[in-house]
Amino acid sequence: MSLTYNDEGDFFVFTLMEDDETPIVSEKLILNQPLFQELPPDERLPTTPLVPMDESGQAKRVSIDNFMDTVFLCEDVLPYDGTDIGELPIDGDWTGGFMGR
């Protein structure tokens, strides 16, 4: 993985790479939008959505001023129906499986 910053446009680009650093896909970080959601299924992509989120509700977009301050790239592991799942184990998903490969 790599994360690069474009200072002219004030945005970040997340790149997922093969082990040899060959890029698989690059995508701009957009607040509350899962990465790679528009791509066809690919076993090289994460199975759990990665989403830039600001749980404080302060940010309107991802920028150099808020990334890693109030905006974080999160693994979105909560079910869409709002079900309370209790505590989530480290490296776990909401169905109880583990994300390690």
C-alpha atoms as a PDB file:
ATOM      1  CA  MET A   1       0.000   0.000   0.000  1.00  0.00           C
ATOM      2  CA  SER A   2       1.031   3.579  -0.453  1.00  0.00           C
ATOM      3  CA  LEU A   3      -0.581   6.882   0.375  1.00  0.00           C
ATOM      4  CA  THR A   4       0.448   9.978  -1.554  1.00  0.00           C
ATOM      5  CA  TYR A   5      -0.601  13.593  -1.177  1.00  0.00           C
ATOM      6  CA  ASN A   6      -1.343  15.979  -4.048  1.00  0.00           C
ATOM      7  CA  ASP A   7      -0.585  19.460  -2.714  1.00  0.00           C
ATOM      8  CA  GLU A   8      -2.095  21.302  -5.704  1.00  0.00           C
ATOM      9  CA  GLY A   9      -5.499  19.680  -5.239  1.00  0.00           C
ATOM     10  CA  ASP A  10      -5.168  19.039  -1.476  1.00  0.00           C
ATOM     11  CA  PHE A  11      -6.135  15.357  -1.677  1.00  0.00           C
ATOM     12  CA  PHE A  12      -4.695  11.938  -0.922  1.00  0.00           C
ATOM     13  CA  VAL A  13      -4.425   8.926  -3.227  1.00  0.00           C
ATOM     14  CA  PHE A  14      -4.376   5.392  -1.835  1.00  0.00           C
ATOM     15  CA  THR A  15      -2.588   2.812  -3.995  1.00  0.00           C
ATOM     16  CA  LEU A  16      -2.820  -0.922  -3.475  1.00  0.00           C
ATOM     17  CA  MET A  17       0.124  -2.871  -4.890  1.00  0.00           C
ATOM     18  CA  GLU A  18       1.319  -6.383  -5.574  1.00  0.00           C
ATOM     19  CA  ASP A  19       4.220  -7.714  -3.474  1.00  0.00           C
ATOM     20  CA  ASP A  20       6.632  -6.496  -6.170  1.00  0.00           C
ATOM     21  CA  GLU A  21       5.103  -2.975  -5.872  1.00  0.00           C
ATOM     22  CA  THR A  22       3.238  -3.215  -9.183  1.00  0.00           C
ATOM     23  CA  PRO A  23       0.114  -1.060  -8.715  1.00  0.00           C
ATOM     24  CA  ILE A  24      -3.203  -2.896  -8.713  1.00  0.00           C
ATOM     25  CA  VAL A  25      -5.400   0.182  -8.271  1.00  0.00           C
ATOM     26  CA  SER A  26      -5.144   3.817  -7.144  1.00  0.00           C
ATOM     27  CA  GLU A  27      -8.021   5.842  -5.813  1.00  0.00           C
ATOM     28  CA  LYS A  28      -8.569   9.307  -4.346  1.00  0.00           C
ATOM     29  CA  LEU A  29      -9.737   9.356  -0.714  1.00  0.00           C
ATOM     30  CA  ILE A  30     -13.263  10.794  -0.537  1.00  0.00           C
ATOM     31  CA  LEU A  31     -14.892  11.268   2.853  1.00  0.00           C
ATOM     32  CA  ASN A  32     -17.328   8.463   3.757  1.00  0.00           C
ATOM     33  CA  GLN A  33     -16.888   6.745   0.363  1.00  0.00           C
ATOM     34  CA  PRO A  34     -15.531   3.175   0.430  1.00  0.00           C
ATOM     35  CA  LEU A  35     -12.411   2.657  -1.632  1.00  0.00           C
ATOM     36  CA  PHE A  36     -12.691   0.376  -4.671  1.00  0.00           C
ATOM     37  CA  GLN A  37     -16.516   0.161  -4.506  1.00  0.00           C
ATOM     38  CA  GLU A  38     -16.907   0.699  -8.252  1.00  0.00           C
ATOM     39  CA  LEU A  39     -14.454  -2.055  -9.218  1.00  0.00           C
ATOM     40  CA  PRO A  40     -15.382  -5.588 -10.226  1.00  0.00           C
ATOM     41  CA  PRO A  41     -14.611  -8.280  -7.619  1.00  0.00           C
ATOM     42  CA  ASP A  42     -10.898  -9.047  -7.380  1.00  0.00           C
ATOM     43  CA  GLU A  43      -9.335 -11.393  -4.838  1.00  0.00           C
ATOM     44  CA  ARG A  44      -6.402  -8.972  -4.461  1.00  0.00           C
ATOM     45  CA  LEU A  45      -8.678  -6.255  -3.051  1.00  0.00           C
ATOM     46  CA  PRO A  46      -9.701  -6.080   0.621  1.00  0.00           C
ATOM     47  CA  THR A  47     -12.909  -7.945   1.415  1.00  0.00           C
ATOM     48  CA  THR A  48     -13.937  -5.411   4.078  1.00  0.00           C
ATOM     49  CA  PRO A  49     -14.596  -1.842   2.864  1.00  0.00           C
ATOM     50  CA  LEU A  50     -11.897   0.737   3.632  1.00  0.00           C
ATOM     51  CA  VAL A  51     -13.535   4.110   4.216  1.00  0.00           C
ATOM     52  CA  PRO A  52     -12.094   7.548   5.086  1.00  0.00           C
ATOM     53  CA  MET A  53     -14.276   8.572   8.050  1.00  0.00           C
ATOM     54  CA  ASP A  54     -14.567  11.427  10.502  1.00  0.00           C
ATOM     55  CA  GLU A  55     -16.500  10.047  13.449  1.00  0.00           C
ATOM     56  CA  SER A  56     -16.417  13.480  15.098  1.00  0.00           C
ATOM     57  CA  GLY A  57     -18.559  14.835  12.235  1.00  0.00           C
ATOM     58  CA  GLN A  58     -16.318  17.902  11.748  1.00  0.00           C
ATOM     59  CA  ALA A  59     -14.876  17.250   8.273  1.00  0.00           C
ATOM     60  CA  LYS A  60     -16.562  17.990   4.964  1.00  0.00           C
ATOM     61  CA  ARG A  61     -13.752  16.394   2.916  1.00  0.00           C
ATOM     62  CA  VAL A  62     -10.389  14.645   3.339  1.00  0.00           C
ATOM     63  CA  SER A  63      -7.557  17.205   3.449  1.00  0.00           C
ATOM     64  CA  ILE A  64      -4.038  17.692   4.755  1.00  0.00           C
ATOM     65  CA  ASP A  65      -5.512  19.607   7.704  1.00  0.00           C
ATOM     66  CA  ASN A  66      -7.752  16.804   8.948  1.00  0.00           C
ATOM     67  CA  PHE A  67      -6.292  13.493   7.732  1.00  0.00           C
ATOM     68  CA  MET A  68      -5.012  11.528  10.727  1.00  0.00           C
ATOM     69  CA  ASP A  69      -6.430  14.220  13.015  1.00  0.00           C
ATOM     70  CA  THR A  70     -10.203  13.722  12.782  1.00  0.00           C
ATOM     71  CA  VAL A  71     -10.317  11.767   9.485  1.00  0.00           C
ATOM     72  CA  PHE A  72      -8.969   8.232   9.485  1.00  0.00           C
ATOM     73  CA  LEU A  73      -8.934   5.402   6.949  1.00  0.00           C
ATOM     74  CA  CYS A  74     -11.125   2.810   8.675  1.00  0.00           C
ATOM     75  CA  GLU A  75     -12.073  -0.769   8.033  1.00  0.00           C
ATOM     76  CA  ASP A  76     -15.875  -0.516   7.920  1.00  0.00           C
ATOM     77  CA  VAL A  77     -16.847  -3.651   9.797  1.00  0.00           C
ATOM     78  CA  LEU A  78     -20.318  -2.722  11.069  1.00  0.00           C
ATOM     79  CA  PRO A  79     -23.387  -4.285   9.487  1.00  0.00           C
ATOM     80  CA  TYR A  80     -25.441  -1.938   7.312  1.00  0.00           C
ATOM     81  CA  ASP A  81     -28.655  -2.538   9.257  1.00  0.00           C
ATOM     82  CA  GLY A  82     -27.352  -0.789  12.413  1.00  0.00           C
ATOM     83  CA  THR A  83     -27.266  -4.006  14.455  1.00  0.00           C
ATOM     84  CA  ASP A  84     -25.324  -3.648  17.711  1.00  0.00           C
ATOM     85  CA  ILE A  85     -22.581  -6.254  17.497  1.00  0.00           C
ATOM     86  CA  GLY A  86     -20.882  -5.546  20.816  1.00  0.00           C
ATOM     87  CA  GLU A  87     -17.109  -5.487  20.965  1.00  0.00           C
ATOM     88  CA  LEU A  88     -15.149  -6.299  17.845  1.00  0.00           C
ATOM     89  CA  PRO A  89     -12.015  -8.435  18.274  1.00  0.00           C
ATOM     90  CA  ILE A  90      -8.773  -7.066  16.845  1.00  0.00           C
ATOM     91  CA  ASP A  91      -8.434  -8.183  13.205  1.00  0.00           C
ATOM     92  CA  GLY A  92     -12.050  -9.379  13.248  1.00  0.00           C
ATOM     93  CA  ASP A  93     -15.010  -8.612  11.094  1.00  0.00           C
ATOM     94  CA  TRP A  94     -18.614  -8.238  12.238  1.00  0.00           C
ATOM     95  CA  THR A  95     -19.425 -11.833  11.348  1.00  0.00           C
ATOM     96  CA  GLY A  96     -16.706 -13.042  13.716  1.00  0.00           C
ATOM     97  CA  GLY A  97     -14.159 -14.044  11.088  1.00  0.00           C
ATOM     98  CA  PHE A  98     -10.586 -12.867  10.998  1.00  0.00           C
ATOM     99  CA  MET A  99      -9.096 -10.636   8.319  1.00  0.00           C
ATOM    100  CA  GLY A 100      -5.521 -11.979   8.386  1.00  0.00           C
ATOM    101  CA  ARG A 101      -4.288 -13.694   5.272  1.00  0.00           C
END
